[in-house]
Amino acid sequence: MQFKEQKGRVQVLAYDGYDKEKRRAIVKMLGSFDRYNYSLSVGLLEKLTVEQKEELQSEIEKRRQSYEKEARLRS
């Protein structure tokens, strides 16, 4: 999965194969979460597999720790 920041939200993107005709990857947006309070968009968890849910949780935790570290350094 990929995570792309877009206007205060983080988009959750998933690779869905390769389109030989267009010669590019097929990437689908599954949903998003808030960049600051990490609230998930409606239906995001229902679209994810178990491995994707774990990856999403680890990404959120990584972002939370990074934000807390920056806040401690600023103060």
C-alpha atoms as a PDB file:
ATOM      1  CA  MET A   1       0.000   0.000   0.000  1.00  0.00           C
ATOM      2  CA  GLN A   2       0.984   3.582  -0.510  1.00  0.00           C
ATOM      3  CA  PHE A   3       0.112   6.646   1.533  1.00  0.00           C
ATOM      4  CA  LYS A   4      -0.166  10.072  -0.096  1.00  0.00           C
ATOM      5  CA  GLU A   5      -0.761  13.311   1.792  1.00  0.00           C
ATOM      6  CA  GLN A   6      -3.427  15.501   0.223  1.00  0.00           C
ATOM      7  CA  LYS A   7      -4.888  18.654   1.864  1.00  0.00           C
ATOM      8  CA  GLY A   8      -4.887  17.578   5.511  1.00  0.00           C
ATOM      9  CA  ARG A   9      -5.774  13.957   4.736  1.00  0.00           C
ATOM     10  CA  VAL A  10      -3.671  10.929   3.911  1.00  0.00           C
ATOM     11  CA  GLN A  11      -4.956   8.842   0.995  1.00  0.00           C
ATOM     12  CA  VAL A  12      -4.647   5.057   1.229  1.00  0.00           C
ATOM     13  CA  LEU A  13      -3.742   3.648  -2.194  1.00  0.00           C
ATOM     14  CA  ALA A  14      -3.420   0.004  -3.249  1.00  0.00           C
ATOM     15  CA  TYR A  15      -1.692  -1.531  -6.265  1.00  0.00           C
ATOM     16  CA  ASP A  16      -4.187  -3.529  -8.329  1.00  0.00           C
ATOM     17  CA  GLY A  17      -2.147  -4.906 -11.201  1.00  0.00           C
ATOM     18  CA  TYR A  18      -0.661  -3.638 -14.433  1.00  0.00           C
ATOM     19  CA  ASP A  19      -2.547  -2.350 -17.485  1.00  0.00           C
ATOM     20  CA  LYS A  20      -0.589  -3.514 -20.528  1.00  0.00           C
ATOM     21  CA  GLU A  21      -2.683  -1.432 -22.900  1.00  0.00           C
ATOM     22  CA  LYS A  22      -1.976   1.854 -21.093  1.00  0.00           C
ATOM     23  CA  ARG A  23       1.462   0.646 -19.927  1.00  0.00           C
ATOM     24  CA  ARG A  24       1.046   1.699 -16.329  1.00  0.00           C
ATOM     25  CA  ALA A  25       0.079   0.385 -12.934  1.00  0.00           C
ATOM     26  CA  ILE A  26      -3.503   0.301 -11.757  1.00  0.00           C
ATOM     27  CA  VAL A  27      -3.712   2.027  -8.376  1.00  0.00           C
ATOM     28  CA  LYS A  28      -7.007   2.309  -6.502  1.00  0.00           C
ATOM     29  CA  MET A  29      -7.792   4.696  -3.692  1.00  0.00           C
ATOM     30  CA  LEU A  30      -9.339   2.714  -0.853  1.00  0.00           C
ATOM     31  CA  GLY A  31     -10.046   5.648   1.435  1.00  0.00           C
ATOM     32  CA  SER A  32      -8.246   8.151   3.622  1.00  0.00           C
ATOM     33  CA  PHE A  33      -7.562   9.220   7.176  1.00  0.00           C
ATOM     34  CA  ASP A  34      -7.135  12.600   8.815  1.00  0.00           C
ATOM     35  CA  ARG A  35      -3.548  13.773   8.986  1.00  0.00           C
ATOM     36  CA  TYR A  36      -3.823  15.172  12.498  1.00  0.00           C
ATOM     37  CA  ASN A  37      -6.312  13.054  14.491  1.00  0.00           C
ATOM     38  CA  TYR A  38      -6.058   9.854  12.393  1.00  0.00           C
ATOM     39  CA  SER A  39      -9.819   9.354  12.017  1.00  0.00           C
ATOM     40  CA  LEU A  40     -10.568   6.946   9.154  1.00  0.00           C
ATOM     41  CA  SER A  41     -12.956   7.600   6.275  1.00  0.00           C
ATOM     42  CA  VAL A  42     -16.245   5.707   6.202  1.00  0.00           C
ATOM     43  CA  GLY A  43     -15.899   2.144   4.950  1.00  0.00           C
ATOM     44  CA  LEU A  44     -12.108   2.087   4.761  1.00  0.00           C
ATOM     45  CA  LEU A  45     -11.608  -0.808   7.184  1.00  0.00           C
ATOM     46  CA  GLU A  46     -14.243  -2.889   5.377  1.00  0.00           C
ATOM     47  CA  LYS A  47     -12.273  -2.698   2.121  1.00  0.00           C
ATOM     48  CA  LEU A  48      -8.980  -3.874   3.631  1.00  0.00           C
ATOM     49  CA  THR A  49      -7.570  -7.359   4.110  1.00  0.00           C
ATOM     50  CA  VAL A  50      -5.994  -8.408   7.408  1.00  0.00           C
ATOM     51  CA  GLU A  51      -2.457  -7.648   6.149  1.00  0.00           C
ATOM     52  CA  GLN A  52      -3.548  -4.243   4.825  1.00  0.00           C
ATOM     53  CA  LYS A  53      -5.198  -3.392   8.156  1.00  0.00           C
ATOM     54  CA  GLU A  54      -1.947  -4.204   9.959  1.00  0.00           C
ATOM     55  CA  GLU A  55       0.026  -2.079   7.505  1.00  0.00           C
ATOM     56  CA  LEU A  56      -2.422   0.807   7.950  1.00  0.00           C
ATOM     57  CA  GLN A  57      -2.189   0.590  11.749  1.00  0.00           C
ATOM     58  CA  SER A  58       1.614   0.557  11.620  1.00  0.00           C
ATOM     59  CA  GLU A  59       1.616   3.606   9.306  1.00  0.00           C
ATOM     60  CA  ILE A  60      -0.717   5.503  11.638  1.00  0.00           C
ATOM     61  CA  GLU A  61       1.429   4.569  14.648  1.00  0.00           C
ATOM     62  CA  LYS A  62       4.600   5.639  12.807  1.00  0.00           C
ATOM     63  CA  ARG A  63       3.042   9.014  11.937  1.00  0.00           C
ATOM     64  CA  ARG A  64       1.785   9.479  15.511  1.00  0.00           C
ATOM     65  CA  GLN A  65       5.237   8.795  16.978  1.00  0.00           C
ATOM     66  CA  SER A  66       6.878  11.123  14.466  1.00  0.00           C
ATOM     67  CA  TYR A  67       4.416  13.905  15.308  1.00  0.00           C
ATOM     68  CA  GLU A  68       4.961  13.441  19.062  1.00  0.00           C
ATOM     69  CA  LYS A  69       8.724  13.491  18.580  1.00  0.00           C
ATOM     70  CA  GLU A  70       8.519  16.762  16.611  1.00  0.00           C
ATOM     71  CA  ALA A  71       6.271  18.294  19.280  1.00  0.00           C
ATOM     72  CA  ARG A  72       8.753  17.375  22.027  1.00  0.00           C
ATOM     73  CA  LEU A  73      11.639  18.873  20.034  1.00  0.00           C
ATOM     74  CA  ARG A  74       9.725  22.123  19.496  1.00  0.00           C
ATOM     75  CA  SER A  75       8.984  22.547  23.204  1.00  0.00           C
END
